[in-house]
Amino acid sequence: MVCERINSIKQTLPEGVRLVAVSKYHPASMIQEAYDGGQRIFGESHVQELVQKYEALPKDIEWHFIGHLQTNKVKYIAPFVSLIHAVDSEHLLKEIDKQAKRQGRTISVLLEVHIAQEETKYGWLPDELLAFMESGIWQQYENVSIEGLMCMATNTDDEGIIANEFERARELFETIKGLSYMVNAQWRERSWGMSHDYLIAVRHGSTMVRIGSSIFGERVYA
């Protein structure tokens, strides 16, 4: 059933858009089922749960951390995480760089931009993020690879609002891509779109959709 849902979703995705199967709160057995069907990218948002699953499951899984990450927990996932989606401050970026250096590796990250109407969501305001990228300060962090943007749209049934927010994120992505500093950067990823709005997201430039409930069903909270 899990594999059928994954295949059904993948058939709706344009070429070049990757599926992150959001497996948080779901057992390792369900991830293994998806893995056996060919899925390799999984997203988690709790550090302890991610570490436990990393230890229990095949080592060629590409683990993405998609939730709000506390600086004091970066060290636990730094040895193996493939991509951190929601870097919402320079403070966090600095810590990821520090822990990546300790592990002798470079960690790929996305910068989270706050475009939603809800104040509860995390992320840089667009003007703040653009100013940070224009400053070039980020270049001093040699053990992180900043590869694009991540965002969440407002939780609403109004598809016009959602589309407008994703389009604003795409425009910001393109503006940053045009900066002189970005000539040699790996600036390519746009992580937006979840189970309820991913089809809108791909129409507005998403290269990576984060889908959980449409694959694994409702979450099982511990």
N, C-alpha and C. Protein backbone atom coordinates (compact mmCIF):
# COMPACT_ATOMS: atom_id res chain seq x y z
N MET A 1 0.83 -1.21 0.00
CA MET A 1 0.00 0.00 0.00
C MET A 1 0.87 1.26 0.00
N VAL A 2 1.90 1.28 0.85
CA VAL A 2 2.81 2.42 0.91
C VAL A 2 3.47 2.64 -0.44
N CYS A 3 3.96 1.57 -1.03
CA CYS A 3 4.64 1.68 -2.33
C CYS A 3 3.69 2.15 -3.43
N GLU A 4 2.45 1.70 -3.37
CA GLU A 4 1.47 2.13 -4.37
C GLU A 4 1.22 3.63 -4.25
N ARG A 5 1.13 4.13 -3.03
CA ARG A 5 0.90 5.56 -2.82
C ARG A 5 2.09 6.37 -3.32
N ILE A 6 3.30 5.90 -3.04
CA ILE A 6 4.50 6.60 -3.50
C ILE A 6 4.53 6.65 -5.02
N ASN A 7 4.27 5.52 -5.66
CA ASN A 7 4.30 5.48 -7.12
C ASN A 7 3.23 6.38 -7.72
N SER A 8 2.07 6.42 -7.08
CA SER A 8 0.98 7.27 -7.56
C SER A 8 1.37 8.74 -7.50
N ILE A 9 2.02 9.14 -6.40
CA ILE A 9 2.45 10.53 -6.25
C ILE A 9 3.55 10.86 -7.26
N LYS A 10 4.50 9.96 -7.42
CA LYS A 10 5.61 10.21 -8.34
C LYS A 10 5.11 10.41 -9.77
N GLN A 11 4.04 9.75 -10.12
CA GLN A 11 3.50 9.90 -11.47
C GLN A 11 2.94 11.31 -11.71
N THR A 12 2.66 12.04 -10.64
CA THR A 12 2.14 13.41 -10.77
C THR A 12 3.25 14.45 -10.75
N LEU A 13 4.48 14.03 -10.50
CA LEU A 13 5.59 14.98 -10.37
C LEU A 13 6.31 15.16 -11.70
N PRO A 14 6.58 16.40 -12.08
CA PRO A 14 7.35 16.64 -13.31
C PRO A 14 8.78 16.13 -13.17
N GLU A 15 9.45 15.94 -14.27
CA GLU A 15 10.85 15.54 -14.25
C GLU A 15 11.66 16.60 -13.50
N GLY A 16 12.55 16.13 -12.64
CA GLY A 16 13.39 17.05 -11.89
C GLY A 16 12.85 17.41 -10.51
N VAL A 17 11.65 16.95 -10.18
CA VAL A 17 11.09 17.19 -8.85
C VAL A 17 11.20 15.91 -8.03
N ARG A 18 11.88 16.01 -6.89
CA ARG A 18 12.11 14.84 -6.06
C ARG A 18 11.10 14.76 -4.92
N LEU A 19 10.81 13.53 -4.53
CA LEU A 19 9.88 13.26 -3.43
C LEU A 19 10.64 12.96 -2.15
N VAL A 20 10.37 13.75 -1.12
CA VAL A 20 10.85 13.45 0.23
C VAL A 20 9.69 12.81 0.98
N ALA A 21 9.82 11.53 1.30
CA ALA A 21 8.77 10.82 2.04
C ALA A 21 8.93 11.16 3.52
N VAL A 22 7.97 11.91 4.05
CA VAL A 22 8.06 12.37 5.44
C VAL A 22 7.58 11.27 6.37
N SER A 23 8.55 10.68 7.05
CA SER A 23 8.29 9.45 7.81
C SER A 23 8.23 9.66 9.32
N LYS A 24 8.22 10.90 9.78
CA LYS A 24 8.20 11.17 11.21
C LYS A 24 6.94 10.57 11.85
N TYR A 25 7.13 10.02 13.03
CA TYR A 25 6.08 9.36 13.81
C TYR A 25 5.60 8.05 13.21
N HIS A 26 6.27 7.58 12.17
CA HIS A 26 5.90 6.30 11.58
C HIS A 26 7.02 5.29 11.84
N PRO A 27 6.67 4.02 12.03
CA PRO A 27 7.67 3.02 12.41
C PRO A 27 8.66 2.71 11.30
N ALA A 28 9.81 2.21 11.73
CA ALA A 28 10.87 1.84 10.78
C ALA A 28 10.38 0.81 9.77
N SER A 29 9.44 -0.03 10.17
CA SER A 29 8.93 -1.07 9.27
C SER A 29 8.25 -0.46 8.04
N MET A 30 7.57 0.67 8.22
CA MET A 30 6.92 1.33 7.09
C MET A 30 7.95 1.98 6.17
N ILE A 31 9.01 2.51 6.76
CA ILE A 31 10.09 3.08 5.96
C ILE A 31 10.77 1.98 5.17
N GLN A 32 10.98 0.84 5.81
CA GLN A 32 11.60 -0.29 5.12
C GLN A 32 10.75 -0.74 3.94
N GLU A 33 9.43 -0.73 4.11
CA GLU A 33 8.52 -1.10 3.02
C GLU A 33 8.68 -0.14 1.84
N ALA A 34 8.75 1.17 2.16
CA ALA A 34 8.94 2.17 1.11
C ALA A 34 10.31 2.02 0.45
N TYR A 35 11.31 1.73 1.27
CA TYR A 35 12.67 1.51 0.76
C TYR A 35 12.71 0.32 -0.19
N ASP A 36 12.05 -0.76 0.20
CA ASP A 36 12.03 -1.97 -0.64
C ASP A 36 11.35 -1.70 -1.98
N GLY A 37 10.47 -0.68 -2.00
CA GLY A 37 9.80 -0.31 -3.24
C GLY A 37 10.58 0.70 -4.07
N GLY A 38 11.77 1.09 -3.57
CA GLY A 38 12.63 1.98 -4.35
C GLY A 38 12.79 3.39 -3.83
N GLN A 39 12.02 3.79 -2.81
CA GLN A 39 12.16 5.15 -2.26
C GLN A 39 13.46 5.25 -1.44
N ARG A 40 14.19 6.34 -1.63
CA ARG A 40 15.47 6.49 -0.92
C ARG A 40 15.57 7.76 -0.09
N ILE A 41 14.70 8.74 -0.32
CA ILE A 41 14.78 10.00 0.43
C ILE A 41 13.66 10.05 1.46
N PHE A 42 14.04 10.22 2.73
CA PHE A 42 13.06 10.27 3.81
C PHE A 42 13.32 11.50 4.67
N GLY A 43 12.24 12.11 5.16
CA GLY A 43 12.33 13.32 5.96
C GLY A 43 11.87 13.10 7.39
N GLU A 44 12.66 13.57 8.33
CA GLU A 44 12.33 13.49 9.75
C GLU A 44 12.47 14.86 10.39
N SER A 45 11.76 15.07 11.51
CA SER A 45 11.81 16.39 12.14
C SER A 45 12.11 16.33 13.64
N HIS A 46 12.45 15.16 14.14
CA HIS A 46 12.87 15.03 15.54
C HIS A 46 14.20 14.29 15.59
N VAL A 47 15.16 14.88 16.23
CA VAL A 47 16.53 14.37 16.19
C VAL A 47 16.65 12.97 16.75
N GLN A 48 16.09 12.72 17.93
CA GLN A 48 16.22 11.40 18.55
C GLN A 48 15.59 10.31 17.68
N GLU A 49 14.43 10.60 17.13
CA GLU A 49 13.75 9.64 16.26
C GLU A 49 14.57 9.37 15.00
N LEU A 50 15.15 10.42 14.45
CA LEU A 50 15.97 10.27 13.25
C LEU A 50 17.19 9.41 13.52
N VAL A 51 17.87 9.66 14.62
CA VAL A 51 19.07 8.88 14.96
C VAL A 51 18.72 7.40 15.12
N GLN A 52 17.61 7.12 15.79
CA GLN A 52 17.19 5.73 15.98
C GLN A 52 16.90 5.05 14.65
N LYS A 53 16.24 5.75 13.76
CA LYS A 53 15.91 5.17 12.46
C LYS A 53 17.16 5.00 11.59
N TYR A 54 18.06 5.97 11.67
CA TYR A 54 19.32 5.86 10.93
C TYR A 54 20.06 4.59 11.34
N GLU A 55 20.10 4.31 12.62
CA GLU A 55 20.82 3.14 13.12
C GLU A 55 20.14 1.84 12.73
N ALA A 56 18.81 1.87 12.55
CA ALA A 56 18.06 0.63 12.32
C ALA A 56 17.86 0.30 10.84
N LEU A 57 18.04 1.27 9.97
CA LEU A 57 17.65 1.09 8.57
C LEU A 57 18.87 1.14 7.63
N PRO A 58 18.68 0.75 6.36
CA PRO A 58 19.80 0.69 5.42
C PRO A 58 20.57 2.01 5.33
N LYS A 59 21.87 1.89 5.17
CA LYS A 59 22.74 3.06 5.24
C LYS A 59 22.79 3.87 3.95
N ASP A 60 22.15 3.40 2.88
CA ASP A 60 22.14 4.22 1.67
C ASP A 60 20.89 5.11 1.58
N ILE A 61 20.12 5.16 2.68
CA ILE A 61 19.00 6.09 2.73
C ILE A 61 19.54 7.51 2.81
N GLU A 62 18.90 8.42 2.09
CA GLU A 62 19.25 9.84 2.11
C GLU A 62 18.32 10.52 3.12
N TRP A 63 18.85 10.79 4.30
CA TRP A 63 18.03 11.36 5.37
C TRP A 63 18.00 12.89 5.29
N HIS A 64 16.81 13.45 5.28
CA HIS A 64 16.63 14.89 5.29
C HIS A 64 16.02 15.30 6.63
N PHE A 65 16.59 16.32 7.25
CA PHE A 65 15.98 16.86 8.47
C PHE A 65 15.13 18.05 8.05
N ILE A 66 13.82 17.97 8.30
CA ILE A 66 12.90 18.96 7.75
C ILE A 66 12.25 19.85 8.80
N GLY A 67 12.48 19.59 10.08
CA GLY A 67 11.82 20.36 11.12
C GLY A 67 12.69 21.49 11.66
N HIS A 68 12.17 22.14 12.70
CA HIS A 68 12.92 23.19 13.39
C HIS A 68 14.05 22.53 14.17
N LEU A 69 15.28 22.90 13.88
CA LEU A 69 16.45 22.25 14.47
C LEU A 69 17.08 23.15 15.52
N GLN A 70 17.22 22.62 16.73
CA GLN A 70 17.89 23.35 17.81
C GLN A 70 19.40 23.18 17.67
N THR A 71 20.13 24.25 17.94
CA THR A 71 21.58 24.21 17.74
C THR A 71 22.26 23.13 18.59
N ASN A 72 21.75 22.88 19.79
CA ASN A 72 22.40 21.91 20.67
C ASN A 72 22.18 20.46 20.23
N LYS A 73 21.38 20.26 19.18
CA LYS A 73 21.13 18.90 18.70
C LYS A 73 21.75 18.61 17.33
N VAL A 74 22.38 19.63 16.74
CA VAL A 74 23.01 19.44 15.43
C VAL A 74 24.04 18.33 15.46
N LYS A 75 24.80 18.24 16.54
CA LYS A 75 25.91 17.29 16.63
C LYS A 75 25.46 15.84 16.47
N TYR A 76 24.21 15.55 16.82
CA TYR A 76 23.75 14.17 16.77
C TYR A 76 23.46 13.69 15.34
N ILE A 77 23.11 14.61 14.46
CA ILE A 77 22.80 14.21 13.08
C ILE A 77 23.91 14.58 12.09
N ALA A 78 24.87 15.38 12.55
CA ALA A 78 25.94 15.84 11.67
C ALA A 78 26.74 14.71 11.00
N PRO A 79 26.92 13.54 11.64
CA PRO A 79 27.71 12.49 10.99
C PRO A 79 27.07 11.90 9.73
N PHE A 80 25.74 12.04 9.57
CA PHE A 80 25.10 11.29 8.49
C PHE A 80 24.04 12.03 7.69
N VAL A 81 23.50 13.12 8.21
CA VAL A 81 22.37 13.78 7.53
C VAL A 81 22.78 14.25 6.13
N SER A 82 21.89 14.08 5.16
CA SER A 82 22.19 14.47 3.78
C SER A 82 21.83 15.92 3.49
N LEU A 83 20.69 16.37 4.04
CA LEU A 83 20.23 17.73 3.78
C LEU A 83 19.42 18.22 4.97
N ILE A 84 19.73 19.44 5.42
CA ILE A 84 18.95 20.10 6.46
C ILE A 84 18.12 21.19 5.78
N HIS A 85 16.79 21.05 5.83
CA HIS A 85 15.91 21.92 5.05
C HIS A 85 15.68 23.28 5.68
N ALA A 86 15.60 23.34 6.99
CA ALA A 86 15.01 24.53 7.62
C ALA A 86 16.01 25.33 8.44
N VAL A 87 17.07 25.83 7.79
CA VAL A 87 18.04 26.68 8.48
C VAL A 87 17.44 28.08 8.55
N ASP A 88 17.07 28.50 9.76
CA ASP A 88 16.30 29.73 9.92
C ASP A 88 17.07 30.88 10.56
N SER A 89 18.39 30.72 10.73
CA SER A 89 19.20 31.79 11.30
C SER A 89 20.67 31.55 10.99
N GLU A 90 21.45 32.63 11.04
CA GLU A 90 22.89 32.47 10.87
C GLU A 90 23.49 31.70 12.04
N HIS A 91 22.90 31.86 13.22
CA HIS A 91 23.37 31.14 14.41
C HIS A 91 23.34 29.63 14.17
N LEU A 92 22.25 29.14 13.61
CA LEU A 92 22.13 27.72 13.31
C LEU A 92 23.09 27.32 12.20
N LEU A 93 23.21 28.15 11.17
CA LEU A 93 24.14 27.85 10.08
C LEU A 93 25.56 27.70 10.60
N LYS A 94 25.95 28.57 11.49
CA LYS A 94 27.29 28.54 12.08
C LYS A 94 27.53 27.24 12.84
N GLU A 95 26.52 26.78 13.58
CA GLU A 95 26.66 25.54 14.35
C GLU A 95 26.74 24.32 13.43
N ILE A 96 25.95 24.32 12.37
CA ILE A 96 26.02 23.22 11.41
C ILE A 96 27.41 23.16 10.80
N ASP A 97 27.95 24.31 10.44
CA ASP A 97 29.30 24.38 9.88
C ASP A 97 30.32 23.82 10.86
N LYS A 98 30.18 24.19 12.12
CA LYS A 98 31.10 23.74 13.16
C LYS A 98 31.06 22.22 13.32
N GLN A 99 29.86 21.66 13.38
CA GLN A 99 29.72 20.21 13.58
C GLN A 99 30.12 19.44 12.32
N ALA A 100 29.86 20.00 11.16
CA ALA A 100 30.28 19.35 9.92
C ALA A 100 31.80 19.28 9.85
N LYS A 101 32.45 20.35 10.25
CA LYS A 101 33.92 20.38 10.25
C LYS A 101 34.48 19.32 11.18
N ARG A 102 33.86 19.14 12.33
CA ARG A 102 34.30 18.10 13.28
C ARG A 102 34.18 16.71 12.68
N GLN A 103 33.20 16.54 11.80
CA GLN A 103 32.98 15.24 11.17
C GLN A 103 33.78 15.09 9.88
N GLY A 104 34.48 16.14 9.47
CA GLY A 104 35.26 16.08 8.25
C GLY A 104 34.40 15.98 7.01
N ARG A 105 33.24 16.63 7.04
CA ARG A 105 32.33 16.56 5.89
C ARG A 105 31.68 17.92 5.64
N THR A 106 31.04 18.04 4.50
CA THR A 106 30.25 19.22 4.16
C THR A 106 28.79 18.83 4.18
N ILE A 107 27.98 19.62 4.88
CA ILE A 107 26.55 19.33 4.99
C ILE A 107 25.77 20.29 4.11
N SER A 108 24.91 19.74 3.28
CA SER A 108 24.04 20.55 2.42
C SER A 108 22.87 21.09 3.24
N VAL A 109 22.53 22.35 3.00
CA VAL A 109 21.44 22.99 3.74
C VAL A 109 20.59 23.84 2.81
N LEU A 110 19.37 24.09 3.26
CA LEU A 110 18.47 25.06 2.62
C LEU A 110 18.13 26.13 3.65
N LEU A 111 17.92 27.34 3.19
CA LEU A 111 17.55 28.44 4.07
C LEU A 111 16.04 28.59 4.08
N GLU A 112 15.46 28.63 5.27
CA GLU A 112 14.00 28.71 5.38
C GLU A 112 13.54 30.16 5.33
N VAL A 113 12.68 30.47 4.38
CA VAL A 113 12.13 31.81 4.26
C VAL A 113 10.69 31.81 4.77
N HIS A 114 10.35 32.80 5.56
CA HIS A 114 9.02 32.90 6.15
C HIS A 114 8.13 33.73 5.22
N ILE A 115 7.27 33.05 4.50
CA ILE A 115 6.36 33.74 3.58
C ILE A 115 4.90 33.58 3.99
N ALA A 116 4.64 32.70 4.96
CA ALA A 116 3.26 32.42 5.37
C ALA A 116 2.70 33.56 6.23
N GLN A 117 1.39 33.58 6.36
CA GLN A 117 0.74 34.61 7.17
C GLN A 117 0.82 34.30 8.66
N GLU A 118 0.97 33.03 9.01
CA GLU A 118 1.04 32.67 10.43
C GLU A 118 2.37 33.09 11.03
N GLU A 119 2.31 33.80 12.15
CA GLU A 119 3.53 34.22 12.82
C GLU A 119 4.24 33.06 13.51
N THR A 120 3.53 31.95 13.72
CA THR A 120 4.11 30.82 14.43
C THR A 120 5.16 30.08 13.61
N LYS A 121 5.15 30.26 12.30
CA LYS A 121 6.13 29.56 11.46
C LYS A 121 7.50 30.23 11.56
N TYR A 122 8.54 29.40 11.40
CA TYR A 122 9.90 29.88 11.50
C TYR A 122 10.40 30.41 10.15
N GLY A 123 11.60 30.98 10.18
CA GLY A 123 12.25 31.36 8.94
C GLY A 123 12.67 32.82 8.90
N TRP A 124 13.58 33.11 7.95
CA TRP A 124 14.01 34.48 7.70
C TRP A 124 12.89 35.22 6.98
N LEU A 125 12.71 36.48 7.27
CA LEU A 125 11.86 37.31 6.44
C LEU A 125 12.57 37.52 5.10
N PRO A 126 11.84 37.64 4.01
CA PRO A 126 12.48 37.72 2.70
C PRO A 126 13.57 38.79 2.60
N ASP A 127 13.29 40.00 3.11
CA ASP A 127 14.27 41.08 3.03
C ASP A 127 15.52 40.77 3.85
N GLU A 128 15.32 40.12 5.02
CA GLU A 128 16.45 39.74 5.86
C GLU A 128 17.32 38.70 5.15
N LEU A 129 16.68 37.75 4.54
CA LEU A 129 17.42 36.69 3.87
C LEU A 129 18.19 37.23 2.67
N LEU A 130 17.55 38.09 1.90
CA LEU A 130 18.23 38.68 0.76
C LEU A 130 19.44 39.50 1.20
N ALA A 131 19.28 40.26 2.27
CA ALA A 131 20.39 41.07 2.78
C ALA A 131 21.54 40.19 3.24
N PHE A 132 21.22 39.07 3.88
CA PHE A 132 22.25 38.14 4.34
C PHE A 132 23.02 37.56 3.16
N MET A 133 22.31 37.17 2.13
CA MET A 133 22.97 36.59 0.96
C MET A 133 23.76 37.64 0.19
N GLU A 134 23.24 38.87 0.14
CA GLU A 134 23.95 39.96 -0.53
C GLU A 134 25.25 40.31 0.19
N SER A 135 25.27 40.11 1.51
CA SER A 135 26.45 40.46 2.31
C SER A 135 27.65 39.56 2.04
N GLY A 136 27.37 38.33 1.60
CA GLY A 136 28.45 37.38 1.36
C GLY A 136 29.02 36.76 2.61
N ILE A 137 28.47 37.11 3.78
CA ILE A 137 28.99 36.59 5.06
C ILE A 137 28.97 35.07 5.08
N TRP A 138 27.97 34.49 4.46
CA TRP A 138 27.79 33.04 4.48
C TRP A 138 28.97 32.29 3.87
N GLN A 139 29.77 32.97 3.07
CA GLN A 139 30.89 32.29 2.42
C GLN A 139 31.97 31.83 3.39
N GLN A 140 31.97 32.39 4.60
CA GLN A 140 32.98 31.99 5.58
C GLN A 140 32.72 30.60 6.15
N TYR A 141 31.49 30.11 5.96
CA TYR A 141 31.14 28.79 6.49
C TYR A 141 31.48 27.73 5.44
N GLU A 142 32.67 27.19 5.55
CA GLU A 142 33.22 26.35 4.48
C GLU A 142 32.73 24.90 4.51
N ASN A 143 32.10 24.48 5.60
CA ASN A 143 31.65 23.10 5.71
C ASN A 143 30.14 22.95 5.56
N VAL A 144 29.50 24.00 5.04
CA VAL A 144 28.10 23.88 4.64
C VAL A 144 27.99 24.28 3.17
N SER A 145 27.08 23.63 2.49
CA SER A 145 26.78 23.97 1.10
C SER A 145 25.34 24.48 1.06
N ILE A 146 25.19 25.79 0.88
CA ILE A 146 23.85 26.40 0.84
C ILE A 146 23.29 26.21 -0.56
N GLU A 147 22.23 25.42 -0.67
CA GLU A 147 21.80 24.96 -1.99
C GLU A 147 20.42 25.45 -2.42
N GLY A 148 19.79 26.29 -1.62
CA GLY A 148 18.49 26.80 -2.04
C GLY A 148 17.62 27.22 -0.88
N LEU A 149 16.31 27.28 -1.15
CA LEU A 149 15.33 27.77 -0.19
C LEU A 149 14.33 26.69 0.19
N MET A 150 13.77 26.85 1.38
CA MET A 150 12.66 26.03 1.86
C MET A 150 11.61 26.98 2.41
N CYS A 151 10.34 26.63 2.23
CA CYS A 151 9.28 27.43 2.84
C CYS A 151 8.04 26.58 3.06
N MET A 152 7.14 27.11 3.87
CA MET A 152 5.82 26.54 4.09
C MET A 152 4.79 27.61 3.80
N ALA A 153 3.76 27.27 3.06
CA ALA A 153 2.70 28.22 2.77
C ALA A 153 1.73 28.31 3.95
N THR A 154 0.92 29.35 3.93
CA THR A 154 -0.12 29.51 4.94
C THR A 154 -1.06 28.30 4.92
N ASN A 155 -1.47 27.88 6.10
CA ASN A 155 -2.39 26.75 6.21
C ASN A 155 -3.81 27.24 5.94
N THR A 156 -4.20 27.18 4.67
CA THR A 156 -5.49 27.71 4.24
C THR A 156 -6.02 26.89 3.08
N ASP A 157 -7.32 26.95 2.85
CA ASP A 157 -7.93 26.30 1.70
C ASP A 157 -7.91 27.21 0.47
N ASP A 158 -7.47 28.44 0.65
CA ASP A 158 -7.44 29.41 -0.45
C ASP A 158 -6.20 29.16 -1.31
N GLU A 159 -6.42 28.51 -2.45
CA GLU A 159 -5.29 28.15 -3.31
C GLU A 159 -4.61 29.36 -3.90
N GLY A 160 -5.32 30.45 -4.01
CA GLY A 160 -4.72 31.67 -4.52
C GLY A 160 -3.65 32.21 -3.59
N ILE A 161 -3.93 32.16 -2.28
CA ILE A 161 -2.94 32.60 -1.30
C ILE A 161 -1.72 31.70 -1.35
N ILE A 162 -1.94 30.40 -1.39
CA ILE A 162 -0.84 29.43 -1.43
C ILE A 162 0.02 29.65 -2.67
N ALA A 163 -0.62 29.79 -3.81
CA ALA A 163 0.11 29.98 -5.06
C ALA A 163 0.94 31.26 -5.02
N ASN A 164 0.36 32.32 -4.48
CA ASN A 164 1.06 33.60 -4.40
C ASN A 164 2.30 33.50 -3.51
N GLU A 165 2.17 32.76 -2.42
CA GLU A 165 3.32 32.63 -1.50
C GLU A 165 4.44 31.80 -2.12
N PHE A 166 4.08 30.72 -2.77
CA PHE A 166 5.11 29.92 -3.44
C PHE A 166 5.79 30.72 -4.56
N GLU A 167 5.01 31.53 -5.25
CA GLU A 167 5.59 32.34 -6.32
C GLU A 167 6.55 33.39 -5.75
N ARG A 168 6.22 33.96 -4.62
CA ARG A 168 7.12 34.91 -3.95
C ARG A 168 8.44 34.23 -3.58
N ALA A 169 8.33 33.00 -3.11
CA ALA A 169 9.54 32.25 -2.76
C ALA A 169 10.38 31.98 -4.01
N ARG A 170 9.73 31.64 -5.10
CA ARG A 170 10.47 31.39 -6.35
C ARG A 170 11.17 32.67 -6.82
N GLU A 171 10.48 33.79 -6.73
CA GLU A 171 11.08 35.05 -7.14
C GLU A 171 12.30 35.39 -6.29
N LEU A 172 12.21 35.13 -4.98
CA LEU A 172 13.35 35.37 -4.10
C LEU A 172 14.52 34.45 -4.46
N PHE A 173 14.20 33.20 -4.75
CA PHE A 173 15.22 32.24 -5.17
C PHE A 173 15.96 32.76 -6.40
N GLU A 174 15.22 33.25 -7.39
CA GLU A 174 15.83 33.74 -8.63
C GLU A 174 16.64 35.01 -8.39
N THR A 175 16.16 35.87 -7.50
CA THR A 175 16.90 37.09 -7.18
C THR A 175 18.25 36.75 -6.56
N ILE A 176 18.24 35.81 -5.62
CA ILE A 176 19.49 35.40 -4.97
C ILE A 176 20.41 34.72 -5.98
N LYS A 177 19.83 33.92 -6.84
CA LYS A 177 20.62 33.22 -7.86
C LYS A 177 21.39 34.21 -8.74
N GLY A 178 20.83 35.40 -8.93
CA GLY A 178 21.46 36.40 -9.78
C GLY A 178 22.56 37.20 -9.11
N LEU A 179 22.78 37.00 -7.81
CA LEU A 179 23.83 37.75 -7.11
C LEU A 179 25.21 37.32 -7.60
N SER A 180 26.13 38.25 -7.59
CA SER A 180 27.49 37.96 -8.08
C SER A 180 28.16 36.86 -7.28
N TYR A 181 27.84 36.76 -5.99
CA TYR A 181 28.44 35.74 -5.14
C TYR A 181 28.06 34.32 -5.56
N MET A 182 26.95 34.18 -6.29
CA MET A 182 26.37 32.86 -6.53
C MET A 182 26.94 32.15 -7.76
N VAL A 183 27.93 32.74 -8.42
CA VAL A 183 28.45 32.18 -9.67
C VAL A 183 28.86 30.72 -9.51
N ASN A 184 29.55 30.40 -8.41
CA ASN A 184 30.04 29.03 -8.21
C ASN A 184 29.25 28.26 -7.15
N ALA A 185 28.13 28.82 -6.72
CA ALA A 185 27.34 28.18 -5.67
C ALA A 185 26.46 27.06 -6.24
N GLN A 186 26.14 26.11 -5.39
CA GLN A 186 25.24 25.00 -5.75
C GLN A 186 23.79 25.40 -5.46
N TRP A 187 23.37 26.52 -6.02
CA TRP A 187 22.05 27.09 -5.70
C TRP A 187 21.02 26.53 -6.67
N ARG A 188 20.27 25.51 -6.22
CA ARG A 188 19.42 24.78 -7.18
C ARG A 188 18.13 24.25 -6.60
N GLU A 189 17.99 24.17 -5.27
CA GLU A 189 16.83 23.48 -4.69
C GLU A 189 15.77 24.44 -4.16
N ARG A 190 14.51 24.07 -4.41
CA ARG A 190 13.37 24.82 -3.90
C ARG A 190 12.44 23.82 -3.23
N SER A 191 12.49 23.77 -1.91
CA SER A 191 11.74 22.79 -1.14
C SER A 191 10.44 23.42 -0.64
N TRP A 192 9.37 23.25 -1.42
CA TRP A 192 8.06 23.64 -0.93
C TRP A 192 6.99 22.74 -1.54
N GLY A 193 5.94 22.56 -0.74
CA GLY A 193 4.86 21.66 -1.13
C GLY A 193 4.77 20.46 -0.22
N MET A 194 3.58 20.25 0.35
CA MET A 194 3.31 19.09 1.20
C MET A 194 2.07 18.36 0.67
N SER A 195 1.56 17.42 1.44
CA SER A 195 0.48 16.56 0.93
C SER A 195 -0.68 17.36 0.35
N HIS A 196 -1.07 18.46 1.00
CA HIS A 196 -2.27 19.19 0.60
C HIS A 196 -2.03 20.23 -0.47
N ASP A 197 -0.75 20.61 -0.71
CA ASP A 197 -0.52 21.72 -1.65
C ASP A 197 0.63 21.47 -2.63
N TYR A 198 1.10 20.22 -2.73
CA TYR A 198 2.30 20.00 -3.54
C TYR A 198 2.07 20.21 -5.03
N LEU A 199 0.85 19.98 -5.50
CA LEU A 199 0.58 20.21 -6.92
C LEU A 199 0.66 21.70 -7.27
N ILE A 200 0.24 22.55 -6.33
CA ILE A 200 0.40 24.00 -6.51
C ILE A 200 1.90 24.34 -6.47
N ALA A 201 2.61 23.71 -5.55
CA ALA A 201 4.04 23.99 -5.37
C ALA A 201 4.84 23.70 -6.64
N VAL A 202 4.56 22.58 -7.29
CA VAL A 202 5.36 22.24 -8.47
C VAL A 202 5.05 23.18 -9.63
N ARG A 203 3.86 23.77 -9.62
CA ARG A 203 3.55 24.77 -10.65
C ARG A 203 4.29 26.08 -10.40
N HIS A 204 4.79 26.22 -9.19
CA HIS A 204 5.51 27.45 -8.82
C HIS A 204 6.94 27.14 -8.40
N GLY A 205 7.56 26.23 -9.14
CA GLY A 205 9.00 26.09 -9.09
C GLY A 205 9.60 25.11 -8.11
N SER A 206 8.79 24.37 -7.37
CA SER A 206 9.37 23.43 -6.40
C SER A 206 10.20 22.36 -7.10
N THR A 207 11.33 22.02 -6.50
CA THR A 207 12.15 20.91 -6.98
C THR A 207 12.13 19.74 -6.00
N MET A 208 11.43 19.93 -4.88
CA MET A 208 11.45 18.92 -3.82
C MET A 208 10.17 19.07 -2.99
N VAL A 209 9.33 18.04 -2.97
CA VAL A 209 8.09 18.09 -2.20
C VAL A 209 8.19 17.15 -1.00
N ARG A 210 7.64 17.60 0.12
CA ARG A 210 7.73 16.87 1.38
C ARG A 210 6.35 16.30 1.71
N ILE A 211 6.17 15.00 1.48
CA ILE A 211 4.85 14.40 1.60
C ILE A 211 4.86 13.26 2.61
N GLY A 212 3.96 13.34 3.58
CA GLY A 212 3.89 12.33 4.63
C GLY A 212 2.58 11.60 4.70
N SER A 213 1.51 12.31 5.09
CA SER A 213 0.23 11.64 5.35
C SER A 213 -0.35 10.97 4.12
N SER A 214 -0.10 11.51 2.94
CA SER A 214 -0.62 10.89 1.71
C SER A 214 0.09 9.58 1.38
N ILE A 215 1.23 9.36 2.04
CA ILE A 215 1.98 8.11 1.83
C ILE A 215 1.76 7.14 2.97
N PHE A 216 1.99 7.63 4.19
CA PHE A 216 1.99 6.74 5.36
C PHE A 216 0.69 6.75 6.15
N GLY A 217 -0.25 7.63 5.79
CA GLY A 217 -1.48 7.75 6.57
C GLY A 217 -1.28 8.68 7.75
N GLU A 218 -2.26 8.69 8.63
CA GLU A 218 -2.16 9.56 9.80
C GLU A 218 -1.04 9.12 10.71
N ARG A 219 -0.42 10.09 11.37
CA ARG A 219 0.74 9.80 12.19
C ARG A 219 0.37 9.06 13.47
N VAL A 220 1.29 8.23 13.91
CA VAL A 220 1.13 7.50 15.17
C VAL A 220 2.03 8.19 16.19
N TYR A 221 1.42 8.99 17.07
CA TYR A 221 2.21 9.74 18.05
C TYR A 221 2.58 8.86 19.23
N ALA A 222 3.85 8.94 19.60
CA ALA A 222 4.32 8.11 20.71
C ALA A 222 3.79 8.68 22.03
